[in-house]
N, C-alpha and C. Protein backbone atom coordinates (compact mmCIF):
# COMPACT_ATOMS: atom_id res chain seq x y z
N UNK A 1 0.93 -1.18 -0.17
CA UNK A 1 -0.13 -0.11 -0.36
C UNK A 1 0.46 1.09 -0.10
N UNK A 2 2.02 1.15 0.68
CA UNK A 2 2.94 2.36 1.06
C UNK A 2 3.64 2.45 -0.51
N UNK A 3 4.16 1.87 -1.26
CA UNK A 3 4.38 1.73 -2.42
C UNK A 3 3.36 2.33 -3.20
N UNK A 4 2.33 1.81 -3.32
CA UNK A 4 1.37 2.17 -4.60
C UNK A 4 0.84 3.65 -4.49
N UNK A 5 0.85 3.95 -3.06
CA UNK A 5 0.96 5.81 -2.63
C UNK A 5 1.83 6.66 -3.32
N UNK A 6 2.94 6.00 -3.27
CA UNK A 6 4.33 6.89 -3.62
C UNK A 6 4.17 6.54 -5.27
N UNK A 7 4.09 5.41 -5.43
CA UNK A 7 3.87 5.82 -6.92
C UNK A 7 2.77 6.35 -7.66
N UNK A 8 1.57 6.67 -7.01
CA UNK A 8 0.84 7.53 -7.45
C UNK A 8 1.00 8.91 -7.00
N UNK A 9 1.29 8.93 -6.28
CA UNK A 9 1.08 10.92 -5.53
C UNK A 9 2.90 10.91 -4.73
N UNK A 10 3.46 10.40 -5.24
CA UNK A 10 4.91 10.98 -4.58
C UNK A 10 5.29 11.92 -4.65
N UNK A 11 4.93 12.04 -6.12
CA UNK A 11 5.90 13.66 -6.68
C UNK A 11 5.06 14.76 -6.02
N UNK A 12 3.89 14.20 -6.49
CA UNK A 12 2.98 15.23 -6.24
C UNK A 12 2.83 15.54 -4.58
N UNK A 13 2.87 15.09 -4.06
CA UNK A 13 3.54 15.21 -2.85
C UNK A 13 4.61 16.00 -2.42
N UNK A 14 5.60 15.74 -3.42
CA UNK A 14 7.17 16.40 -2.66
C UNK A 14 6.67 17.64 -3.30
N UNK A 15 5.76 17.74 -4.70
CA UNK A 15 5.88 19.25 -4.93
C UNK A 15 4.82 20.07 -4.30
N UNK A 16 3.99 19.30 -3.17
CA UNK A 16 2.85 20.48 -2.35
C UNK A 16 3.68 20.56 -1.14
N UNK A 17 4.35 19.91 -0.86
CA UNK A 17 5.67 20.30 0.64
C UNK A 17 6.61 21.18 0.44
N UNK A 18 7.15 20.94 -1.05
CA UNK A 18 8.04 21.71 -1.49
C UNK A 18 7.39 23.54 -1.30
N UNK A 19 6.15 23.19 -1.56
CA UNK A 19 5.36 24.92 -1.68
C UNK A 19 5.12 25.07 -0.52
N UNK A 20 5.28 24.29 0.88
CA UNK A 20 4.82 24.71 1.20
C UNK A 20 5.91 25.12 2.34
N UNK A 21 6.55 24.47 2.65
CA UNK A 21 7.90 24.15 3.39
C UNK A 21 9.04 23.21 3.77
N UNK A 22 8.54 21.86 3.15
CA UNK A 22 9.66 21.70 2.34
C UNK A 22 10.44 20.83 2.54
N UNK A 23 11.32 20.96 3.26
CA UNK A 23 12.50 20.25 3.66
C UNK A 23 12.65 18.88 4.02
N UNK A 24 11.87 18.68 5.33
CA UNK A 24 11.51 17.38 5.40
C UNK A 24 10.82 16.28 4.74
N UNK A 25 9.97 16.47 3.71
CA UNK A 25 9.40 16.00 2.69
C UNK A 25 10.65 15.53 1.36
N UNK A 26 11.08 16.60 1.07
CA UNK A 26 12.28 15.91 0.14
C UNK A 26 13.60 15.46 0.74
N UNK A 27 13.47 15.62 1.39
CA UNK A 27 14.83 15.02 2.76
C UNK A 27 13.98 13.27 2.65
N UNK A 28 12.97 13.43 3.05
CA UNK A 28 12.36 11.73 2.81
C UNK A 28 11.81 11.02 1.26
N UNK A 29 11.65 11.79 0.54
CA UNK A 29 11.70 11.61 -1.03
C UNK A 29 13.12 11.14 -1.43
N UNK A 30 14.02 11.63 -0.75
CA UNK A 30 15.99 11.32 -1.42
C UNK A 30 15.85 9.83 -1.17
N UNK A 31 15.20 9.87 0.61
CA UNK A 31 15.49 9.10 0.86
C UNK A 31 14.99 7.45 0.28
N UNK A 32 13.77 7.80 -0.56
CA UNK A 32 12.90 6.83 -1.27
C UNK A 32 13.72 6.97 -2.56
N UNK A 33 14.19 7.35 -2.96
CA UNK A 33 15.01 7.26 -4.22
C UNK A 33 15.28 6.29 -3.75
N UNK A 34 16.59 6.49 -3.13
CA UNK A 34 17.55 5.51 -2.75
C UNK A 34 17.21 4.21 -2.91
N UNK A 35 15.77 3.64 -2.33
CA UNK A 35 15.33 2.29 -1.89
C UNK A 35 14.97 1.98 -3.63
N UNK A 36 14.79 3.02 -4.35
CA UNK A 36 13.96 2.66 -5.81
C UNK A 36 12.27 2.92 -5.65
N UNK A 37 12.08 3.59 -5.10
CA UNK A 37 10.55 3.98 -4.88
C UNK A 37 10.09 5.04 -5.43
N UNK A 38 10.99 6.01 -6.10
CA UNK A 38 11.15 6.98 -7.00
C UNK A 38 12.59 7.60 -7.20
N UNK A 39 12.11 8.21 -8.60
CA UNK A 39 13.32 8.64 -9.32
C UNK A 39 14.16 9.83 -8.63
N UNK A 40 14.71 10.12 -8.72
CA UNK A 40 15.76 11.47 -7.63
C UNK A 40 15.61 12.58 -8.75
N UNK A 41 15.85 12.10 -10.21
CA UNK A 41 15.46 13.67 -11.33
C UNK A 41 13.99 13.95 -10.80
N UNK A 42 13.15 13.02 -11.20
CA UNK A 42 12.17 13.49 -10.68
C UNK A 42 11.27 14.20 -9.52
N UNK A 43 12.11 13.46 -7.81
CA UNK A 43 12.05 14.89 -6.97
C UNK A 43 12.63 15.82 -6.79
N UNK A 44 13.38 15.84 -7.67
CA UNK A 44 14.52 17.10 -7.45
C UNK A 44 13.88 18.46 -8.41
N UNK A 45 13.14 17.53 -9.98
CA UNK A 45 11.80 18.49 -10.40
C UNK A 45 11.00 18.95 -9.98
N UNK A 46 10.23 17.84 -9.12
CA UNK A 46 8.83 18.40 -8.44
C UNK A 46 9.59 19.34 -6.88
N UNK A 47 10.52 19.40 -6.72
CA UNK A 47 10.73 19.91 -5.03
C UNK A 47 11.22 21.58 -5.86
N UNK A 48 11.82 21.67 -7.19
CA UNK A 48 12.33 22.82 -8.06
C UNK A 48 11.24 23.90 -8.57
N UNK A 49 10.32 22.86 -8.84
CA UNK A 49 8.67 23.42 -9.44
C UNK A 49 8.02 23.92 -8.39
N UNK A 50 8.11 23.28 -6.89
CA UNK A 50 7.24 23.76 -6.04
C UNK A 50 7.10 25.21 -5.23
N UNK A 51 8.58 24.79 -4.94
CA UNK A 51 9.49 26.09 -4.41
C UNK A 51 9.92 27.10 -5.13
N UNK A 52 10.08 27.11 -6.79
CA UNK A 52 9.90 28.32 -7.56
C UNK A 52 8.95 29.38 -7.47
N UNK A 53 7.79 28.06 -7.89
CA UNK A 53 6.23 28.66 -8.28
C UNK A 53 5.69 29.43 -6.93
N UNK A 54 6.68 28.60 -5.51
CA UNK A 54 5.87 29.15 -4.42
C UNK A 54 6.42 30.57 -3.98
N UNK A 55 7.93 30.81 -3.47
CA UNK A 55 8.59 32.00 -3.50
C UNK A 55 8.30 33.24 -4.91
N UNK A 56 8.48 32.66 -6.19
CA UNK A 56 7.92 33.98 -7.16
C UNK A 56 6.24 34.40 -6.85
N UNK A 57 5.51 33.79 -6.60
CA UNK A 57 4.02 34.25 -6.09
C UNK A 57 4.05 34.41 -5.37
N UNK A 58 4.75 33.95 -3.95
CA UNK A 58 5.00 35.10 -3.13
C UNK A 58 5.54 36.31 -2.57
N UNK A 59 6.80 36.17 -3.85
CA UNK A 59 7.02 37.96 -4.30
C UNK A 59 6.78 38.70 -4.87
N UNK A 60 5.52 38.41 -5.64
CA UNK A 60 4.36 39.14 -6.53
C UNK A 60 3.04 39.47 -5.58
N UNK A 61 2.95 38.59 -4.82
CA UNK A 61 2.01 39.45 -3.55
C UNK A 61 2.81 40.14 -2.81
N UNK A 62 3.48 40.45 -2.33
CA UNK A 62 4.70 41.03 -1.27
C UNK A 62 4.63 42.44 -2.40
N UNK A 63 5.30 42.54 -3.65
CA UNK A 63 4.72 44.05 -4.34
C UNK A 63 3.46 44.11 -4.64
N UNK A 64 2.12 43.60 -4.57
CA UNK A 64 0.86 44.32 -5.06
C UNK A 64 0.18 44.17 -3.13
N UNK A 65 0.57 43.35 -2.59
CA UNK A 65 -0.46 43.37 -1.27
C UNK A 65 1.03 43.53 0.04
N UNK A 66 1.63 43.90 0.14
CA UNK A 66 2.80 43.68 0.93
C UNK A 66 2.71 44.33 2.32
N UNK A 67 2.13 45.68 2.27
CA UNK A 67 1.67 46.64 3.17
C UNK A 67 0.33 45.97 4.10
N UNK A 68 -0.34 45.41 2.72
CA UNK A 68 -1.92 44.85 3.83
C UNK A 68 -1.54 44.06 4.66
N UNK A 69 -0.66 42.84 4.17
CA UNK A 69 0.06 41.40 4.22
C UNK A 69 0.46 41.89 5.83
N UNK A 70 0.85 42.67 6.10
CA UNK A 70 1.51 42.99 7.39
C UNK A 70 1.03 43.59 8.20
N UNK A 71 0.11 44.19 8.11
CA UNK A 71 -1.17 44.72 9.24
C UNK A 71 -2.07 43.63 9.32
N UNK A 72 -2.78 42.78 8.34
CA UNK A 72 -3.35 41.93 9.22
C UNK A 72 -2.99 41.06 9.32
N UNK A 73 -1.58 40.75 9.30
CA UNK A 73 -0.94 39.19 9.86
C UNK A 73 0.20 39.98 11.05
N UNK A 74 0.26 40.12 12.48
CA UNK A 74 1.16 41.09 12.68
C UNK A 74 2.78 39.89 12.64
N UNK A 75 2.44 38.72 12.76
CA UNK A 75 3.52 37.54 13.03
C UNK A 75 4.44 37.99 11.34
N UNK A 76 3.77 38.15 11.16
CA UNK A 76 4.27 38.62 9.22
C UNK A 76 4.99 39.72 9.30
N UNK A 77 4.36 40.12 10.00
CA UNK A 77 5.17 42.17 10.57
C UNK A 77 6.62 41.92 11.33
N UNK A 78 6.53 41.44 12.59
CA UNK A 78 7.43 40.60 13.39
C UNK A 78 8.58 40.24 12.82
N UNK A 79 8.54 39.14 12.05
CA UNK A 79 9.61 38.81 10.88
C UNK A 79 10.07 39.90 10.11
N UNK A 80 9.18 40.29 9.74
CA UNK A 80 10.03 41.33 8.18
C UNK A 80 11.03 42.22 8.84
N UNK A 81 10.62 42.88 9.84
CA UNK A 81 11.89 43.73 10.58
C UNK A 81 13.40 43.01 10.45
N UNK A 82 13.39 41.21 10.74
CA UNK A 82 14.84 40.16 10.11
C UNK A 82 14.98 40.65 9.12
N UNK A 83 13.86 40.75 7.89
CA UNK A 83 14.38 40.15 6.71
C UNK A 83 14.61 41.70 6.07
N UNK A 84 14.25 42.68 6.19
CA UNK A 84 14.45 43.71 5.99
C UNK A 84 16.01 44.50 6.36
N UNK A 85 16.43 43.61 7.36
CA UNK A 85 17.80 43.50 7.65
C UNK A 85 18.62 43.07 6.95
N UNK A 86 18.54 42.23 7.00
CA UNK A 86 19.66 40.96 6.31
C UNK A 86 19.24 41.98 4.54
N UNK A 87 18.09 41.96 4.11
CA UNK A 87 18.00 42.52 2.94
C UNK A 87 19.10 43.67 2.64
N UNK A 88 18.84 44.46 3.60
CA UNK A 88 19.56 45.65 3.38
C UNK A 88 21.39 45.80 3.85
N UNK A 89 21.90 44.63 4.66
CA UNK A 89 23.14 44.66 4.53
C UNK A 89 23.52 43.64 3.51
N UNK A 90 22.96 42.32 3.08
CA UNK A 90 23.91 41.61 2.23
C UNK A 90 22.97 41.52 1.08
N UNK A 91 21.83 42.29 0.49
CA UNK A 91 21.53 42.48 -0.39
C UNK A 91 21.31 41.35 -1.52
N UNK A 92 21.93 41.05 -2.47
CA UNK A 92 21.36 39.92 -3.73
C UNK A 92 22.14 38.24 -2.97
N UNK A 93 22.82 38.97 -2.22
CA UNK A 93 23.15 37.51 -1.20
C UNK A 93 22.19 37.41 -0.73
N UNK A 94 21.40 37.92 -0.34
CA UNK A 94 20.30 37.33 1.25
C UNK A 94 19.14 36.96 -0.09
N UNK A 95 18.96 37.84 -1.01
CA UNK A 95 18.10 37.28 -2.12
C UNK A 95 17.84 36.22 -2.22
N UNK A 96 19.20 35.68 -2.99
CA UNK A 96 19.92 34.43 -3.22
C UNK A 96 19.34 33.38 -2.03
N UNK A 97 20.33 33.51 -0.95
CA UNK A 97 20.10 32.70 -0.04
C UNK A 97 19.33 32.81 0.77
N UNK A 98 18.22 33.52 0.81
CA UNK A 98 16.79 33.46 1.93
C UNK A 98 16.36 32.07 1.93
N UNK A 99 16.22 31.10 0.89
CA UNK A 99 15.64 30.26 1.06
C UNK A 99 16.42 29.19 1.82
N UNK A 100 17.49 29.38 2.38
CA UNK A 100 18.08 28.31 3.23
C UNK A 100 18.38 28.69 4.55
N UNK A 101 17.93 29.77 5.09
CA UNK A 101 17.06 30.46 6.45
C UNK A 101 16.19 29.92 7.01
N UNK A 102 16.51 29.18 7.88
CA UNK A 102 15.17 28.96 8.71
C UNK A 102 14.66 29.97 9.41
N UNK A 103 13.19 29.70 9.50
CA UNK A 103 12.90 30.46 10.27
C UNK A 103 12.17 32.16 9.64
N UNK A 104 13.00 32.78 8.41
CA UNK A 104 12.52 33.62 7.24
C UNK A 104 12.15 33.19 6.45
N UNK A 105 12.04 31.81 5.98
CA UNK A 105 12.15 31.15 4.23
C UNK A 105 10.78 31.73 3.51
N UNK A 106 9.85 30.95 4.33
CA UNK A 106 8.62 32.14 3.60
C UNK A 106 8.16 33.33 3.30
N UNK A 107 8.87 34.19 4.79
CA UNK A 107 8.18 35.45 4.75
C UNK A 107 9.15 36.19 3.51
N UNK A 108 10.81 35.79 3.60
CA UNK A 108 11.54 36.80 2.76
C UNK A 108 10.83 36.86 1.48
N UNK A 109 10.27 36.10 0.71
CA UNK A 109 9.90 36.97 -1.10
C UNK A 109 8.84 38.18 -0.69
N UNK A 110 8.33 37.03 0.08
CA UNK A 110 6.81 38.96 0.54
C UNK A 110 7.94 40.24 0.57
N UNK A 111 8.64 40.41 1.73
CA UNK A 111 9.53 41.46 1.93
C UNK A 111 10.24 41.88 0.97
N UNK A 112 10.95 41.42 0.22
CA UNK A 112 11.98 41.95 -1.03
C UNK A 112 11.00 42.11 -2.12
N UNK A 113 9.69 41.60 -2.39
CA UNK A 113 8.81 42.00 -3.59
C UNK A 113 8.53 43.87 -2.60
N UNK A 114 8.31 43.67 -1.72
CA UNK A 114 7.66 45.11 -1.12
C UNK A 114 9.08 45.79 -1.29
N UNK A 115 10.53 45.10 -1.28
CA UNK A 115 11.63 46.71 -1.00
C UNK A 115 11.86 46.80 -2.39
N UNK A 116 10.89 46.91 -3.34
CA UNK A 116 11.13 47.17 -4.71
C UNK A 116 11.86 46.18 -5.74
N UNK A 117 12.82 45.46 -5.00
CA UNK A 117 13.55 44.74 -5.60
C UNK A 117 12.72 44.42 -7.16
N UNK A 118 13.56 44.60 -8.69
CA UNK A 118 12.41 44.21 -9.87
C UNK A 118 12.10 42.02 -9.81
N UNK A 119 11.41 42.22 -10.98
CA UNK A 119 10.66 41.16 -10.67
C UNK A 119 12.31 40.36 -11.64
N UNK A 120 12.78 40.89 -12.62
CA UNK A 120 14.18 40.18 -13.18
C UNK A 120 14.94 39.72 -12.13
N UNK A 121 15.47 40.81 -11.27
CA UNK A 121 16.08 40.48 -10.57
C UNK A 121 16.49 39.35 -9.61
N UNK A 122 14.85 39.41 -8.96
CA UNK A 122 14.37 38.90 -8.32
C UNK A 122 14.53 37.10 -8.57
N UNK A 123 13.94 37.31 -10.15
CA UNK A 123 14.23 35.47 -10.91
C UNK A 123 15.43 35.41 -10.94
N UNK A 124 16.07 36.36 -11.70
CA UNK A 124 17.66 35.41 -11.95
C UNK A 124 18.72 35.13 -10.71
N UNK A 125 18.03 35.68 -9.22
CA UNK A 125 19.12 34.93 -8.20
C UNK A 125 17.92 34.32 -7.59
N UNK A 126 16.85 33.85 -7.81
CA UNK A 126 15.68 33.01 -6.93
C UNK A 126 15.70 31.15 -7.66
N UNK A 127 15.85 31.73 -9.31
CA UNK A 127 15.86 30.79 -9.90
C UNK A 127 16.85 29.75 -9.60
N UNK A 128 18.50 29.60 -9.80
CA UNK A 128 19.21 28.97 -9.50
C UNK A 128 19.12 28.54 -7.95
N UNK A 129 18.98 29.41 -7.09
CA UNK A 129 18.83 28.94 -5.24
C UNK A 129 17.94 27.76 -5.30
N UNK A 130 16.66 28.22 -6.55
CA UNK A 130 15.53 27.11 -6.46
C UNK A 130 16.07 25.75 -6.55
N UNK A 131 16.92 25.58 -7.77
CA UNK A 131 18.01 24.58 -8.30
C UNK A 131 18.71 24.13 -7.25
N UNK A 132 19.96 24.67 -7.00
CA UNK A 132 20.81 24.29 -6.22
C UNK A 132 19.82 23.30 -4.89
N UNK A 133 18.75 24.41 -4.22
CA UNK A 133 17.79 24.00 -3.27
C UNK A 133 17.40 22.46 -3.17
N UNK A 134 16.90 22.65 -4.20
CA UNK A 134 16.35 21.08 -4.69
C UNK A 134 17.14 19.91 -5.29
N UNK A 135 18.01 20.36 -5.44
CA UNK A 135 19.00 19.31 -5.54
C UNK A 135 19.81 19.01 -3.82
N UNK A 136 20.19 19.94 -3.21
CA UNK A 136 21.06 19.82 -1.98
C UNK A 136 20.11 19.42 -1.24
N UNK A 137 18.55 18.75 -1.10
CA UNK A 137 18.01 18.43 -0.10
C UNK A 137 17.76 17.30 -0.78
N UNK A 138 17.66 17.05 -1.73
CA UNK A 138 16.66 15.41 -2.39
C UNK A 138 18.10 15.23 -2.41
N UNK A 139 19.47 15.31 -2.48
CA UNK A 139 20.63 14.56 -2.69
C UNK A 139 21.08 14.12 -1.23
N UNK A 140 20.74 15.38 0.07
CA UNK A 140 21.35 14.32 1.35
C UNK A 140 20.49 13.39 1.45
N UNK A 141 18.86 13.40 1.47
CA UNK A 141 17.71 12.59 1.68
C UNK A 141 18.44 10.93 1.27
N UNK A 142 18.87 11.33 -0.20
CA UNK A 142 19.56 10.48 -0.95
C UNK A 142 21.29 9.57 -0.12
N UNK A 143 21.77 10.61 0.26
CA UNK A 143 22.77 9.96 0.34
C UNK A 143 23.10 9.60 1.99
N UNK A 144 21.71 9.63 2.79
CA UNK A 144 21.32 9.79 4.21
C UNK A 144 21.35 8.38 4.21
N UNK A 145 20.34 8.22 2.98
CA UNK A 145 19.96 6.77 2.79
C UNK A 145 20.76 5.52 2.29
N UNK A 146 21.76 6.48 1.61
CA UNK A 146 22.65 5.36 1.56
C UNK A 146 23.27 5.11 2.76
N UNK A 147 23.76 5.64 3.13
CA UNK A 147 24.77 5.55 4.69
C UNK A 147 24.04 4.20 5.34
N UNK A 148 22.85 4.93 5.64
CA UNK A 148 21.59 3.97 6.80
C UNK A 148 22.01 2.44 5.95
N UNK A 149 21.88 2.42 4.24
CA UNK A 149 21.93 1.08 3.49
C UNK A 149 23.06 0.43 3.74
N UNK A 150 23.89 1.17 3.54
CA UNK A 150 25.79 0.52 4.05
C UNK A 150 26.07 0.27 5.38
N UNK A 151 25.88 1.09 5.93
CA UNK A 151 25.76 0.52 7.85
C UNK A 151 24.31 -0.34 8.27
N UNK A 152 23.62 -0.39 7.59
CA UNK A 152 22.33 -1.43 8.09
C UNK A 152 21.49 -2.34 7.31
N UNK A 153 22.83 -2.86 6.76
CA UNK A 153 21.95 -3.38 5.50
C UNK A 153 20.71 -4.52 5.92
N UNK A 154 19.88 -3.83 6.57
CA UNK A 154 18.45 -4.24 7.15
C UNK A 154 17.17 -3.52 6.27
N UNK A 155 16.43 -3.67 5.75
CA UNK A 155 15.28 -3.51 5.78
C UNK A 155 14.31 -2.67 6.69
N UNK A 156 14.38 -3.50 7.27
CA UNK A 156 13.45 -3.11 8.78
C UNK A 156 13.67 -1.65 9.46
N UNK A 157 15.92 -1.40 9.19
CA UNK A 157 16.41 -0.03 9.65
C UNK A 157 15.73 1.18 9.10
N UNK A 158 15.66 0.44 7.47
CA UNK A 158 15.32 1.74 6.63
C UNK A 158 13.41 2.25 6.60
N UNK A 159 13.15 1.06 7.13
CA UNK A 159 11.15 1.24 7.24
C UNK A 159 11.13 2.43 8.12
N UNK A 160 11.76 2.32 9.46
CA UNK A 160 12.02 2.53 10.14
C UNK A 160 12.54 4.08 10.54
N UNK A 161 13.52 4.30 9.33
CA UNK A 161 13.75 4.92 9.70
C UNK A 161 12.98 6.67 8.71
N UNK A 162 12.68 5.72 7.42
CA UNK A 162 11.35 6.63 6.61
C UNK A 162 10.16 6.50 7.29
N UNK A 163 10.02 5.58 8.30
CA UNK A 163 8.77 6.41 8.71
C UNK A 163 9.21 7.45 10.22
N UNK A 164 10.26 7.72 11.22
CA UNK A 164 10.22 8.51 11.51
C UNK A 164 10.91 9.70 10.75
N UNK A 165 11.57 10.31 9.79
CA UNK A 165 11.40 11.52 9.04
C UNK A 165 10.38 11.51 7.88
N UNK A 166 9.03 10.84 8.62
CA UNK A 166 8.08 10.88 7.47
C UNK A 166 6.69 11.78 9.27
N UNK A 167 7.36 11.01 10.41
CA UNK A 167 6.47 11.58 11.58
C UNK A 167 6.94 12.76 11.19
N UNK A 168 8.50 13.06 11.77
CA UNK A 168 8.86 14.59 11.92
C UNK A 168 8.14 15.76 10.93
N UNK A 169 8.23 14.64 9.37
CA UNK A 169 8.01 16.24 8.74
C UNK A 169 6.21 16.21 8.87
N UNK A 170 5.69 15.36 9.54
CA UNK A 170 4.07 15.61 9.69
C UNK A 170 4.03 16.39 11.29
N UNK A 171 4.70 16.36 11.78
CA UNK A 171 5.11 17.05 13.28
C UNK A 171 5.12 18.55 13.45
N UNK A 172 6.32 18.40 12.44
CA UNK A 172 7.14 19.82 11.82
C UNK A 172 6.07 20.92 11.32
N UNK A 173 5.34 20.13 10.22
CA UNK A 173 4.59 21.07 9.67
C UNK A 173 2.99 20.95 10.44
N UNK A 174 2.85 20.42 11.07
CA UNK A 174 1.44 20.64 12.30
C UNK A 174 1.67 21.77 13.01
N UNK A 175 3.30 21.87 13.58
CA UNK A 175 3.11 23.11 14.69
C UNK A 175 3.42 24.05 14.08
N UNK A 176 4.02 24.21 12.76
CA UNK A 176 4.18 25.54 12.13
C UNK A 176 2.58 26.13 11.59
N UNK A 177 2.15 24.94 11.37
CA UNK A 177 0.70 25.67 11.23
C UNK A 177 -0.09 26.45 12.25
N UNK A 178 0.16 25.61 13.52
CA UNK A 178 -0.22 26.45 14.29
C UNK A 178 0.10 27.39 15.00
N UNK A 179 1.48 27.34 14.40
CA UNK A 179 1.80 28.51 15.48
C UNK A 179 1.50 30.02 14.54
N UNK A 180 1.19 29.58 13.34
CA UNK A 180 0.86 31.29 12.53
C UNK A 180 -0.08 31.51 12.93
């Protein structure tokens, strides 16, 4: 049943979770690739598209509705000060690397859009960053599974590890959804 779900919905799940937060789901998918349940290049593609589309949409939301969003959602306003500080200090490096900074990943494109950065400049930094993120996170999951396979040549350990990663991702998603 697990293999059937992964075969039918695995890439869509990677795409969806890459849209909302992603790291643990993409790591898990990379892990499943090493087990032969998914293809690594398709996991990387789904993660890339999910994160890229989300970041681009959030950027344009920031350009159009940024001030209203900050008024409506005070938690965004609190995090925006940190993002603005990083943007002023690191400029292009921050735009490129914001997806790798825990805690401000999802708010960053909104604030960057509000800051008057042109869409071309944002996209020219966001697209390669999304590629690197997708390859690095899925690859890390694959390497982790390969390491476990070489040290614990036992399917039970791998199934337990996948279950732990999946549960951690689910708890992380639920915790972050409730705190927003």
